[in-house]
Amino acid sequence: MKNIFASLLDLIYRKKCYFCGKSKDSVKMCQSCYDELNFADIKANRIIDGVNIFTCGMYEKNLQKLIRGLKYHKQKELAFYLAKFMYEYFSKLELQGNFQVVPVPLHKNRIKKRKYNHMELVAEEFCRLSGFTPNYELITRIKDTRPQYKLSRKERMQNLANAFEVDKTKYLSLPVLLIDDICTTGSTFEEMISALKKEGINEIVCLASSNP
């Protein structure tokens, strides 16, 4: 009777794939939907102040839904799949050594509204996969910036000017891997790179999950 009841509960509460709606595997992203994610070319998307910026895929189809579900719709379990996608791409770069993983920080007002930083969740999962060390305290967003998606590059740079503060006492003496979800013009990474370099931190790599 106990086994029957457990099986019944499992049937009722089986997870459905967020993408195709099937519940066969009882996961948030089934293997078939994950396999539809396409990697970008294994090369730097751009270089900013000597720092390589890599983007893992294009912001479309399942990758777009993955990011939006995690970022705006409280689908926190999707952090694992985004981290996995980013880690699989990162592994192809064959970069040597250990890294401290720094997700793009949110301002405290945005955290209060959203309740979580989705890229911190991704960083946590990414570090589990890679063995790297997460660092959520090295960089703080001290300016409550406007959403970037409707702004021109010039407006983005003005919006982000002096938005980040680096606490050198939190530096772990490891190369920094900055991670973000979308890299459009690179302005967010550019401002963070500038803030780090002002503190003498120059070993930096940037990784975004997608490029529009």
N, C-alpha and C. Protein backbone atom coordinates (compact mmCIF):
# COMPACT_ATOMS: atom_id res chain seq x y z
N MET A 1 0.83 -1.21 0.00
CA MET A 1 0.00 0.00 0.00
C MET A 1 0.86 1.26 0.00
N LYS A 2 1.94 1.23 0.80
CA LYS A 2 2.84 2.37 0.89
C LYS A 2 3.48 2.66 -0.47
N ASN A 3 3.90 1.61 -1.17
CA ASN A 3 4.54 1.77 -2.47
C ASN A 3 3.57 2.30 -3.51
N ILE A 4 2.32 1.84 -3.41
CA ILE A 4 1.28 2.30 -4.33
C ILE A 4 1.03 3.79 -4.13
N PHE A 5 0.96 4.19 -2.85
CA PHE A 5 0.72 5.60 -2.53
C PHE A 5 1.87 6.47 -3.03
N ALA A 6 3.12 5.98 -2.84
CA ALA A 6 4.29 6.73 -3.29
C ALA A 6 4.29 6.87 -4.80
N SER A 7 3.91 5.80 -5.48
CA SER A 7 3.86 5.83 -6.94
C SER A 7 2.80 6.81 -7.44
N LEU A 8 1.67 6.85 -6.70
CA LEU A 8 0.58 7.75 -7.06
C LEU A 8 1.02 9.21 -6.90
N LEU A 9 1.72 9.51 -5.79
CA LEU A 9 2.23 10.86 -5.57
C LEU A 9 3.24 11.24 -6.65
N ASP A 10 4.08 10.28 -7.01
CA ASP A 10 5.08 10.53 -8.05
C ASP A 10 4.41 10.85 -9.37
N LEU A 11 3.31 10.15 -9.65
CA LEU A 11 2.58 10.37 -10.89
C LEU A 11 1.94 11.76 -10.90
N ILE A 12 1.36 12.13 -9.75
CA ILE A 12 0.67 13.42 -9.64
C ILE A 12 1.64 14.58 -9.73
N TYR A 13 2.78 14.45 -9.05
CA TYR A 13 3.70 15.58 -8.93
C TYR A 13 4.92 15.48 -9.85
N ARG A 14 4.83 14.66 -10.87
CA ARG A 14 5.95 14.56 -11.82
C ARG A 14 6.19 15.92 -12.47
N LYS A 15 7.47 16.24 -12.56
CA LYS A 15 7.82 17.49 -13.22
C LYS A 15 7.59 17.37 -14.72
N LYS A 16 7.16 18.45 -15.30
CA LYS A 16 7.02 18.51 -16.75
C LYS A 16 8.15 19.36 -17.32
N CYS A 17 8.62 18.97 -18.47
CA CYS A 17 9.63 19.77 -19.15
C CYS A 17 9.05 21.15 -19.42
N TYR A 18 9.77 22.19 -19.04
CA TYR A 18 9.33 23.56 -19.21
C TYR A 18 9.21 23.94 -20.68
N PHE A 19 9.83 23.16 -21.54
CA PHE A 19 9.93 23.50 -22.95
C PHE A 19 8.94 22.74 -23.83
N CYS A 20 8.81 21.45 -23.62
CA CYS A 20 7.90 20.66 -24.46
C CYS A 20 6.67 20.17 -23.70
N GLY A 21 6.68 20.30 -22.37
CA GLY A 21 5.52 19.92 -21.57
C GLY A 21 5.41 18.44 -21.25
N LYS A 22 6.36 17.63 -21.70
CA LYS A 22 6.31 16.20 -21.43
C LYS A 22 6.84 15.89 -20.04
N SER A 23 6.34 14.83 -19.43
CA SER A 23 6.73 14.49 -18.06
C SER A 23 7.42 13.14 -17.96
N LYS A 24 7.80 12.56 -19.07
CA LYS A 24 8.39 11.22 -19.08
C LYS A 24 9.59 11.11 -18.15
N ASP A 25 10.48 12.09 -18.18
CA ASP A 25 11.71 12.04 -17.38
C ASP A 25 11.61 12.78 -16.05
N SER A 26 10.49 13.46 -15.81
CA SER A 26 10.26 14.22 -14.58
C SER A 26 11.41 15.20 -14.31
N VAL A 27 11.73 16.00 -15.32
CA VAL A 27 12.77 17.02 -15.18
C VAL A 27 12.26 18.33 -15.78
N LYS A 28 12.92 19.43 -15.42
CA LYS A 28 12.52 20.75 -15.91
C LYS A 28 12.94 20.99 -17.35
N MET A 29 13.95 20.25 -17.79
CA MET A 29 14.38 20.35 -19.19
C MET A 29 14.80 18.96 -19.65
N CYS A 30 14.03 18.37 -20.53
CA CYS A 30 14.34 17.02 -20.97
C CYS A 30 15.55 17.03 -21.90
N GLN A 31 16.13 15.86 -22.08
CA GLN A 31 17.34 15.78 -22.89
C GLN A 31 17.11 16.21 -24.33
N SER A 32 15.95 15.89 -24.86
CA SER A 32 15.65 16.26 -26.25
C SER A 32 15.64 17.77 -26.42
N CYS A 33 15.03 18.48 -25.47
CA CYS A 33 14.98 19.95 -25.54
C CYS A 33 16.35 20.56 -25.28
N TYR A 34 17.11 19.95 -24.37
CA TYR A 34 18.46 20.45 -24.12
C TYR A 34 19.33 20.30 -25.36
N ASP A 35 19.17 19.19 -26.05
CA ASP A 35 19.98 18.92 -27.24
C ASP A 35 19.69 19.89 -28.39
N GLU A 36 18.58 20.63 -28.28
CA GLU A 36 18.26 21.61 -29.31
C GLU A 36 19.02 22.92 -29.13
N LEU A 37 19.70 23.07 -28.00
CA LEU A 37 20.54 24.25 -27.77
C LEU A 37 21.77 24.16 -28.68
N ASN A 38 22.07 25.24 -29.35
CA ASN A 38 23.19 25.25 -30.29
C ASN A 38 24.31 26.15 -29.79
N PHE A 39 25.54 25.61 -29.82
CA PHE A 39 26.70 26.39 -29.39
C PHE A 39 27.10 27.38 -30.48
N ALA A 40 27.64 28.51 -30.04
CA ALA A 40 28.25 29.47 -30.96
C ALA A 40 29.66 28.97 -31.31
N ASP A 41 30.31 29.67 -32.23
CA ASP A 41 31.67 29.32 -32.61
C ASP A 41 32.59 29.42 -31.39
N ILE A 42 33.55 28.52 -31.34
CA ILE A 42 34.48 28.49 -30.21
C ILE A 42 35.59 29.51 -30.45
N LYS A 43 35.24 30.76 -30.26
CA LYS A 43 36.18 31.86 -30.40
C LYS A 43 35.60 33.08 -29.69
N ALA A 44 36.45 34.05 -29.42
CA ALA A 44 35.99 35.27 -28.74
C ALA A 44 34.99 36.01 -29.62
N ASN A 45 33.86 36.38 -29.02
CA ASN A 45 32.85 37.16 -29.73
C ASN A 45 33.35 38.58 -29.97
N ARG A 46 34.12 39.08 -29.02
CA ARG A 46 34.74 40.40 -29.12
C ARG A 46 35.84 40.49 -28.07
N ILE A 47 36.65 41.52 -28.17
CA ILE A 47 37.71 41.77 -27.20
C ILE A 47 37.56 43.20 -26.70
N ILE A 48 37.48 43.34 -25.39
CA ILE A 48 37.31 44.66 -24.77
C ILE A 48 38.49 44.93 -23.84
N ASP A 49 39.26 45.96 -24.16
CA ASP A 49 40.42 46.33 -23.35
C ASP A 49 41.34 45.13 -23.08
N GLY A 50 41.53 44.31 -24.12
CA GLY A 50 42.41 43.16 -24.01
C GLY A 50 41.79 41.93 -23.39
N VAL A 51 40.51 41.99 -23.03
CA VAL A 51 39.82 40.87 -22.38
C VAL A 51 38.91 40.17 -23.39
N ASN A 52 39.04 38.85 -23.47
CA ASN A 52 38.20 38.07 -24.38
C ASN A 52 36.78 37.92 -23.84
N ILE A 53 35.80 38.19 -24.69
CA ILE A 53 34.39 38.03 -24.36
C ILE A 53 33.86 36.86 -25.19
N PHE A 54 33.42 35.82 -24.52
CA PHE A 54 32.88 34.64 -25.21
C PHE A 54 31.38 34.56 -25.00
N THR A 55 30.64 34.21 -26.04
CA THR A 55 29.21 33.97 -25.90
C THR A 55 28.92 32.54 -26.36
N CYS A 56 28.12 31.84 -25.58
CA CYS A 56 27.94 30.39 -25.78
C CYS A 56 26.95 30.04 -26.88
N GLY A 57 25.94 30.87 -27.11
CA GLY A 57 24.93 30.56 -28.12
C GLY A 57 24.16 31.80 -28.52
N MET A 58 23.14 31.61 -29.33
CA MET A 58 22.31 32.73 -29.79
C MET A 58 21.03 32.80 -28.96
N TYR A 59 20.57 34.02 -28.70
CA TYR A 59 19.38 34.25 -27.89
C TYR A 59 18.13 33.98 -28.73
N GLU A 60 17.80 32.69 -28.88
CA GLU A 60 16.67 32.27 -29.69
C GLU A 60 16.17 30.91 -29.22
N LYS A 61 14.94 30.60 -29.60
CA LYS A 61 14.33 29.29 -29.34
C LYS A 61 14.49 28.87 -27.87
N ASN A 62 15.00 27.65 -27.65
CA ASN A 62 15.04 27.12 -26.29
C ASN A 62 15.99 27.89 -25.37
N LEU A 63 17.06 28.43 -25.92
CA LEU A 63 17.98 29.20 -25.08
C LEU A 63 17.31 30.48 -24.60
N GLN A 64 16.55 31.12 -25.45
CA GLN A 64 15.82 32.32 -25.05
C GLN A 64 14.80 31.98 -23.96
N LYS A 65 14.07 30.89 -24.15
CA LYS A 65 13.07 30.49 -23.15
C LYS A 65 13.73 30.08 -21.84
N LEU A 66 14.88 29.45 -21.94
CA LEU A 66 15.63 29.05 -20.75
C LEU A 66 16.04 30.27 -19.93
N ILE A 67 16.59 31.26 -20.59
CA ILE A 67 17.04 32.47 -19.88
C ILE A 67 15.85 33.24 -19.31
N ARG A 68 14.82 33.40 -20.09
CA ARG A 68 13.66 34.17 -19.63
C ARG A 68 12.92 33.46 -18.49
N GLY A 69 12.83 32.15 -18.58
CA GLY A 69 12.17 31.39 -17.51
C GLY A 69 12.91 31.54 -16.19
N LEU A 70 14.23 31.45 -16.24
CA LEU A 70 15.05 31.59 -15.05
C LEU A 70 15.04 33.02 -14.52
N LYS A 71 15.13 33.98 -15.43
CA LYS A 71 15.30 35.37 -15.05
C LYS A 71 14.02 36.06 -14.59
N TYR A 72 12.92 35.77 -15.29
CA TYR A 72 11.69 36.53 -15.04
C TYR A 72 10.53 35.72 -14.46
N HIS A 73 10.59 34.39 -14.58
CA HIS A 73 9.43 33.58 -14.21
C HIS A 73 9.70 32.62 -13.06
N LYS A 74 10.76 32.92 -12.29
CA LYS A 74 11.05 32.20 -11.04
C LYS A 74 11.28 30.69 -11.25
N GLN A 75 11.71 30.31 -12.43
CA GLN A 75 12.02 28.90 -12.70
C GLN A 75 13.48 28.63 -12.30
N LYS A 76 13.72 28.63 -11.00
CA LYS A 76 15.08 28.57 -10.49
C LYS A 76 15.81 27.28 -10.86
N GLU A 77 15.07 26.19 -11.03
CA GLU A 77 15.70 24.92 -11.38
C GLU A 77 16.38 24.98 -12.74
N LEU A 78 16.00 25.94 -13.56
CA LEU A 78 16.61 26.06 -14.88
C LEU A 78 18.05 26.55 -14.80
N ALA A 79 18.48 27.05 -13.63
CA ALA A 79 19.86 27.52 -13.47
C ALA A 79 20.85 26.41 -13.79
N PHE A 80 20.52 25.18 -13.41
CA PHE A 80 21.42 24.05 -13.67
C PHE A 80 21.66 23.87 -15.17
N TYR A 81 20.60 23.96 -15.96
CA TYR A 81 20.72 23.71 -17.40
C TYR A 81 21.48 24.84 -18.10
N LEU A 82 21.28 26.07 -17.64
CA LEU A 82 22.03 27.18 -18.23
C LEU A 82 23.50 27.06 -17.85
N ALA A 83 23.77 26.69 -16.60
CA ALA A 83 25.15 26.50 -16.16
C ALA A 83 25.82 25.36 -16.93
N LYS A 84 25.08 24.29 -17.15
CA LYS A 84 25.62 23.15 -17.89
C LYS A 84 25.98 23.56 -19.31
N PHE A 85 25.09 24.30 -19.96
CA PHE A 85 25.33 24.77 -21.32
C PHE A 85 26.58 25.65 -21.36
N MET A 86 26.69 26.57 -20.40
CA MET A 86 27.83 27.47 -20.35
C MET A 86 29.13 26.72 -20.04
N TYR A 87 29.05 25.75 -19.15
CA TYR A 87 30.24 24.99 -18.79
C TYR A 87 30.72 24.12 -19.96
N GLU A 88 29.78 23.52 -20.68
CA GLU A 88 30.17 22.69 -21.82
C GLU A 88 30.86 23.54 -22.90
N TYR A 89 30.36 24.75 -23.10
CA TYR A 89 31.02 25.65 -24.04
C TYR A 89 32.40 26.05 -23.50
N PHE A 90 32.44 26.46 -22.23
CA PHE A 90 33.69 26.92 -21.62
C PHE A 90 34.76 25.84 -21.70
N SER A 91 34.37 24.58 -21.52
CA SER A 91 35.33 23.48 -21.56
C SER A 91 36.01 23.36 -22.92
N LYS A 92 35.29 23.76 -23.95
CA LYS A 92 35.86 23.69 -25.30
C LYS A 92 36.93 24.76 -25.53
N LEU A 93 36.98 25.77 -24.68
CA LEU A 93 37.98 26.83 -24.83
C LEU A 93 39.37 26.37 -24.38
N GLU A 94 39.40 25.33 -23.56
CA GLU A 94 40.65 24.75 -23.09
C GLU A 94 41.53 25.78 -22.37
N LEU A 95 40.89 26.63 -21.58
CA LEU A 95 41.64 27.59 -20.76
C LEU A 95 42.17 26.87 -19.53
N GLN A 96 43.42 27.09 -19.23
CA GLN A 96 44.08 26.37 -18.15
C GLN A 96 43.89 27.07 -16.80
N GLY A 97 43.94 26.29 -15.73
CA GLY A 97 43.96 26.84 -14.39
C GLY A 97 42.59 26.99 -13.75
N ASN A 98 42.62 27.49 -12.54
CA ASN A 98 41.42 27.68 -11.73
C ASN A 98 40.93 29.12 -11.91
N PHE A 99 39.66 29.34 -11.61
CA PHE A 99 39.07 30.68 -11.73
C PHE A 99 38.19 30.97 -10.52
N GLN A 100 38.02 32.25 -10.22
CA GLN A 100 36.96 32.67 -9.33
C GLN A 100 35.83 33.18 -10.23
N VAL A 101 34.64 32.66 -10.01
CA VAL A 101 33.50 32.96 -10.88
C VAL A 101 32.69 34.09 -10.27
N VAL A 102 32.58 35.19 -11.02
CA VAL A 102 31.88 36.39 -10.53
C VAL A 102 30.69 36.67 -11.44
N PRO A 103 29.47 36.43 -10.96
CA PRO A 103 28.29 36.76 -11.76
C PRO A 103 28.03 38.26 -11.73
N VAL A 104 27.45 38.77 -12.80
CA VAL A 104 27.10 40.19 -12.82
C VAL A 104 26.14 40.47 -11.65
N PRO A 105 26.48 41.39 -10.76
CA PRO A 105 25.63 41.64 -9.60
C PRO A 105 24.41 42.50 -9.94
N LEU A 106 23.37 42.34 -9.15
CA LEU A 106 22.19 43.19 -9.25
C LEU A 106 22.22 44.22 -8.13
N HIS A 107 21.60 45.36 -8.36
CA HIS A 107 21.47 46.36 -7.31
C HIS A 107 20.50 45.83 -6.25
N LYS A 108 20.67 46.27 -5.02
CA LYS A 108 19.83 45.79 -3.92
C LYS A 108 18.35 46.03 -4.16
N ASN A 109 18.00 47.11 -4.88
CA ASN A 109 16.59 47.38 -5.19
C ASN A 109 16.02 46.32 -6.14
N ARG A 110 16.84 45.89 -7.10
CA ARG A 110 16.40 44.87 -8.05
C ARG A 110 16.27 43.51 -7.34
N ILE A 111 17.19 43.23 -6.42
CA ILE A 111 17.13 41.99 -5.65
C ILE A 111 15.86 41.97 -4.81
N LYS A 112 15.54 43.10 -4.22
CA LYS A 112 14.34 43.19 -3.38
C LYS A 112 13.09 42.91 -4.19
N LYS A 113 13.08 43.38 -5.43
CA LYS A 113 11.92 43.18 -6.30
C LYS A 113 11.86 41.76 -6.86
N ARG A 114 12.99 41.25 -7.32
CA ARG A 114 13.02 39.94 -7.97
C ARG A 114 13.19 38.80 -6.98
N LYS A 115 13.77 39.09 -5.81
CA LYS A 115 14.00 38.13 -4.73
C LYS A 115 15.26 37.29 -4.91
N TYR A 116 15.87 37.30 -6.07
CA TYR A 116 17.09 36.52 -6.28
C TYR A 116 17.84 37.06 -7.50
N ASN A 117 19.15 36.77 -7.52
CA ASN A 117 19.97 37.07 -8.70
C ASN A 117 20.13 35.77 -9.48
N HIS A 118 19.51 35.69 -10.63
CA HIS A 118 19.53 34.44 -11.39
C HIS A 118 20.94 34.02 -11.77
N MET A 119 21.84 34.98 -11.98
CA MET A 119 23.20 34.61 -12.36
C MET A 119 24.02 34.10 -11.18
N GLU A 120 23.63 34.43 -9.97
CA GLU A 120 24.26 33.78 -8.81
C GLU A 120 23.88 32.31 -8.76
N LEU A 121 22.63 32.00 -9.09
CA LEU A 121 22.21 30.61 -9.14
C LEU A 121 22.99 29.85 -10.21
N VAL A 122 23.19 30.50 -11.34
CA VAL A 122 23.96 29.88 -12.43
C VAL A 122 25.41 29.69 -12.00
N ALA A 123 25.98 30.69 -11.35
CA ALA A 123 27.37 30.61 -10.89
C ALA A 123 27.56 29.45 -9.92
N GLU A 124 26.59 29.26 -9.03
CA GLU A 124 26.67 28.17 -8.07
C GLU A 124 26.72 26.82 -8.78
N GLU A 125 25.83 26.64 -9.77
CA GLU A 125 25.80 25.38 -10.51
C GLU A 125 27.05 25.24 -11.39
N PHE A 126 27.49 26.32 -11.99
CA PHE A 126 28.68 26.31 -12.83
C PHE A 126 29.90 25.86 -12.01
N CYS A 127 30.00 26.35 -10.80
CA CYS A 127 31.13 25.99 -9.93
C CYS A 127 31.06 24.54 -9.48
N ARG A 128 29.86 24.01 -9.31
CA ARG A 128 29.73 22.59 -8.98
C ARG A 128 30.24 21.72 -10.12
N LEU A 129 29.98 22.16 -11.34
CA LEU A 129 30.41 21.41 -12.51
C LEU A 129 31.91 21.55 -12.76
N SER A 130 32.45 22.73 -12.52
CA SER A 130 33.83 23.04 -12.88
C SER A 130 34.83 22.86 -11.75
N GLY A 131 34.34 22.93 -10.51
CA GLY A 131 35.25 22.92 -9.37
C GLY A 131 35.84 24.29 -9.07
N PHE A 132 35.39 25.32 -9.80
CA PHE A 132 35.86 26.68 -9.56
C PHE A 132 35.21 27.25 -8.29
N THR A 133 35.67 28.43 -7.89
CA THR A 133 35.18 29.06 -6.67
C THR A 133 34.28 30.24 -6.98
N PRO A 134 33.05 30.25 -6.47
CA PRO A 134 32.19 31.42 -6.69
C PRO A 134 32.63 32.58 -5.81
N ASN A 135 32.48 33.78 -6.31
CA ASN A 135 32.82 34.97 -5.53
C ASN A 135 31.74 36.01 -5.79
N TYR A 136 30.85 36.18 -4.81
CA TYR A 136 29.72 37.10 -4.95
C TYR A 136 29.99 38.45 -4.31
N GLU A 137 31.17 38.63 -3.72
CA GLU A 137 31.45 39.84 -2.95
C GLU A 137 32.51 40.73 -3.58
N LEU A 138 33.18 40.25 -4.61
CA LEU A 138 34.25 41.04 -5.21
C LEU A 138 33.72 42.32 -5.87
N ILE A 139 32.58 42.20 -6.56
CA ILE A 139 32.01 43.34 -7.26
C ILE A 139 30.58 43.59 -6.78
N THR A 140 30.26 44.83 -6.48
CA THR A 140 28.92 45.22 -6.05
C THR A 140 28.37 46.25 -7.04
N ARG A 141 27.08 46.13 -7.35
CA ARG A 141 26.44 47.16 -8.18
C ARG A 141 25.91 48.23 -7.24
N ILE A 142 26.50 49.41 -7.32
CA ILE A 142 26.15 50.49 -6.39
C ILE A 142 25.22 51.51 -7.02
N LYS A 143 24.92 51.34 -8.31
CA LYS A 143 24.03 52.25 -9.02
C LYS A 143 22.84 51.47 -9.55
N ASP A 144 21.64 51.94 -9.25
CA ASP A 144 20.42 51.25 -9.70
C ASP A 144 20.14 51.66 -11.15
N THR A 145 20.72 50.93 -12.06
CA THR A 145 20.65 51.28 -13.48
C THR A 145 19.30 50.92 -14.10
N ARG A 146 18.99 51.58 -15.20
CA ARG A 146 17.78 51.26 -15.95
C ARG A 146 17.99 49.97 -16.74
N PRO A 147 16.92 49.26 -17.11
CA PRO A 147 17.07 48.10 -18.00
C PRO A 147 17.77 48.52 -19.29
N GLN A 148 18.65 47.64 -19.78
CA GLN A 148 19.51 48.00 -20.89
C GLN A 148 18.91 47.77 -22.28
N TYR A 149 17.91 46.89 -22.37
CA TYR A 149 17.54 46.34 -23.68
C TYR A 149 17.01 47.37 -24.68
N LYS A 150 16.50 48.52 -24.21
CA LYS A 150 15.97 49.52 -25.14
C LYS A 150 16.94 50.67 -25.39
N LEU A 151 18.14 50.57 -24.83
CA LEU A 151 19.09 51.68 -24.91
C LEU A 151 20.11 51.47 -26.03
N SER A 152 20.58 52.57 -26.60
CA SER A 152 21.66 52.51 -27.57
C SER A 152 22.96 52.24 -26.83
N ARG A 153 24.02 51.94 -27.58
CA ARG A 153 25.30 51.68 -26.91
C ARG A 153 25.75 52.89 -26.08
N LYS A 154 25.61 54.09 -26.63
CA LYS A 154 26.00 55.29 -25.90
C LYS A 154 25.19 55.43 -24.62
N GLU A 155 23.88 55.20 -24.72
CA GLU A 155 23.00 55.29 -23.54
C GLU A 155 23.34 54.20 -22.52
N ARG A 156 23.71 53.01 -23.01
CA ARG A 156 24.09 51.92 -22.11
C ARG A 156 25.33 52.29 -21.30
N MET A 157 26.33 52.87 -21.97
CA MET A 157 27.55 53.24 -21.28
C MET A 157 27.29 54.34 -20.26
N GLN A 158 26.43 55.30 -20.61
CA GLN A 158 26.07 56.36 -19.66
C GLN A 158 25.30 55.78 -18.47
N ASN A 159 24.42 54.83 -18.77
CA ASN A 159 23.61 54.19 -17.75
C ASN A 159 24.47 53.41 -16.76
N LEU A 160 25.54 52.79 -17.27
CA LEU A 160 26.39 51.92 -16.45
C LEU A 160 27.60 52.64 -15.85
N ALA A 161 27.81 53.88 -16.21
CA ALA A 161 28.98 54.60 -15.71
C ALA A 161 29.03 54.59 -14.19
N ASN A 162 30.14 54.12 -13.64
CA ASN A 162 30.35 54.06 -12.19
C ASN A 162 29.29 53.22 -11.47
N ALA A 163 28.77 52.22 -12.17
CA ALA A 163 27.72 51.38 -11.57
C ALA A 163 28.28 50.30 -10.65
N PHE A 164 29.56 49.95 -10.81
CA PHE A 164 30.14 48.83 -10.07
C PHE A 164 31.29 49.28 -9.18
N GLU A 165 31.37 48.64 -8.03
CA GLU A 165 32.45 48.91 -7.08
C GLU A 165 33.15 47.60 -6.75
N VAL A 166 34.48 47.63 -6.78
CA VAL A 166 35.28 46.44 -6.50
C VAL A 166 35.85 46.52 -5.09
N ASP A 167 35.68 45.44 -4.32
CA ASP A 167 36.27 45.35 -2.98
C ASP A 167 37.50 44.45 -3.08
N LYS A 168 38.67 45.07 -3.17
CA LYS A 168 39.91 44.33 -3.38
C LYS A 168 40.18 43.33 -2.25
N THR A 169 39.63 43.58 -1.06
CA THR A 169 39.86 42.66 0.07
C THR A 169 39.18 41.31 -0.17
N LYS A 170 38.23 41.26 -1.12
CA LYS A 170 37.52 40.02 -1.41
C LYS A 170 38.15 39.25 -2.59
N TYR A 171 39.24 39.79 -3.14
CA TYR A 171 39.91 39.16 -4.27
C TYR A 171 40.61 37.89 -3.81
N LEU A 172 40.48 36.82 -4.57
CA LEU A 172 40.97 35.50 -4.17
C LEU A 172 42.29 35.10 -4.82
N SER A 173 42.97 36.04 -5.46
CA SER A 173 44.25 35.76 -6.13
C SER A 173 44.11 34.66 -7.18
N LEU A 174 43.00 34.70 -7.90
CA LEU A 174 42.75 33.79 -9.01
C LEU A 174 42.26 34.60 -10.20
N PRO A 175 42.47 34.13 -11.42
CA PRO A 175 41.86 34.81 -12.56
C PRO A 175 40.35 34.92 -12.37
N VAL A 176 39.78 36.01 -12.86
CA VAL A 176 38.34 36.27 -12.70
C VAL A 176 37.59 35.82 -13.96
N LEU A 177 36.54 35.04 -13.75
CA LEU A 177 35.63 34.67 -14.83
C LEU A 177 34.31 35.39 -14.57
N LEU A 178 34.05 36.45 -15.33
CA LEU A 178 32.79 37.18 -15.22
C LEU A 178 31.73 36.46 -16.06
N ILE A 179 30.55 36.24 -15.50
CA ILE A 179 29.50 35.57 -16.26
C ILE A 179 28.22 36.39 -16.25
N ASP A 180 27.52 36.35 -17.39
CA ASP A 180 26.25 37.06 -17.54
C ASP A 180 25.36 36.24 -18.46
N ASP A 181 24.09 36.63 -18.56
CA ASP A 181 23.19 35.87 -19.42
C ASP A 181 23.30 36.31 -20.88
N ILE A 182 23.16 37.61 -21.15
CA ILE A 182 23.14 38.11 -22.52
C ILE A 182 24.21 39.18 -22.69
N CYS A 183 24.96 39.07 -23.77
CA CYS A 183 25.94 40.11 -24.12
C CYS A 183 25.51 40.74 -25.43
N THR A 184 24.98 41.94 -25.37
CA THR A 184 24.50 42.63 -26.57
C THR A 184 25.60 43.51 -27.15
N THR A 185 25.91 44.60 -26.47
CA THR A 185 27.00 45.48 -26.93
C THR A 185 28.28 45.25 -26.14
N GLY A 186 28.17 44.51 -25.03
CA GLY A 186 29.34 44.29 -24.17
C GLY A 186 29.55 45.38 -23.15
N SER A 187 28.60 46.31 -23.04
CA SER A 187 28.79 47.48 -22.16
C SER A 187 28.85 47.09 -20.68
N THR A 188 28.07 46.09 -20.26
CA THR A 188 28.12 45.67 -18.86
C THR A 188 29.48 45.07 -18.52
N PHE A 189 29.93 44.16 -19.36
CA PHE A 189 31.27 43.60 -19.16
C PHE A 189 32.33 44.69 -19.20
N GLU A 190 32.19 45.62 -20.12
CA GLU A 190 33.19 46.68 -20.27
C GLU A 190 33.33 47.50 -18.98
N GLU A 191 32.20 47.83 -18.37
CA GLU A 191 32.24 48.63 -17.14
C GLU A 191 32.83 47.82 -15.99
N MET A 192 32.52 46.53 -15.93
CA MET A 192 33.07 45.67 -14.88
C MET A 192 34.57 45.47 -15.07
N ILE A 193 34.99 45.29 -16.31
CA ILE A 193 36.42 45.15 -16.60
C ILE A 193 37.17 46.41 -16.16
N SER A 194 36.60 47.56 -16.47
CA SER A 194 37.21 48.84 -16.10
C SER A 194 37.35 48.95 -14.57
N ALA A 195 36.30 48.57 -13.86
CA ALA A 195 36.32 48.65 -12.39
C ALA A 195 37.38 47.71 -11.81
N LEU A 196 37.51 46.52 -12.37
CA LEU A 196 38.52 45.56 -11.90
C LEU A 196 39.94 46.07 -12.19
N LYS A 197 40.15 46.57 -13.39
CA LYS A 197 41.49 47.01 -13.77
C LYS A 197 41.94 48.23 -12.97
N LYS A 198 41.01 49.05 -12.55
CA LYS A 198 41.36 50.19 -11.69
C LYS A 198 41.95 49.72 -10.36
N GLU A 199 41.59 48.48 -9.97
CA GLU A 199 42.10 47.90 -8.73
C GLU A 199 43.29 46.98 -8.98
N GLY A 200 43.80 47.01 -10.21
CA GLY A 200 44.98 46.20 -10.52
C GLY A 200 44.69 44.74 -10.81
N ILE A 201 43.43 44.42 -11.04
CA ILE A 201 43.03 43.04 -11.35
C ILE A 201 42.90 42.92 -12.87
N ASN A 202 43.82 42.20 -13.48
CA ASN A 202 43.92 42.20 -14.94
C ASN A 202 43.69 40.85 -15.59
N GLU A 203 43.72 39.77 -14.82
CA GLU A 203 43.48 38.43 -15.38
C GLU A 203 41.97 38.19 -15.38
N ILE A 204 41.35 38.44 -16.51
CA ILE A 204 39.89 38.42 -16.62
C ILE A 204 39.47 37.71 -17.90
N VAL A 205 38.43 36.89 -17.79
CA VAL A 205 37.76 36.30 -18.95
C VAL A 205 36.26 36.54 -18.76
N CYS A 206 35.53 36.83 -19.82
CA CYS A 206 34.09 37.05 -19.74
C CYS A 206 33.35 35.98 -20.53
N LEU A 207 32.25 35.50 -19.94
CA LEU A 207 31.45 34.45 -20.56
C LEU A 207 29.97 34.79 -20.42
N ALA A 208 29.28 34.94 -21.54
CA ALA A 208 27.83 35.16 -21.53
C ALA A 208 27.16 33.95 -22.17
N SER A 209 25.98 33.63 -21.70
CA SER A 209 25.29 32.45 -22.24
C SER A 209 24.80 32.68 -23.65
N SER A 210 24.53 33.95 -24.02
CA SER A 210 23.98 34.16 -25.36
C SER A 210 24.33 35.54 -25.91
N ASN A 211 24.12 35.62 -27.22
CA ASN A 211 24.33 36.86 -27.96
C ASN A 211 23.08 37.08 -28.83
N PRO A 212 22.42 38.24 -28.73
CA PRO A 212 21.20 38.47 -29.50
C PRO A 212 21.45 38.39 -31.01
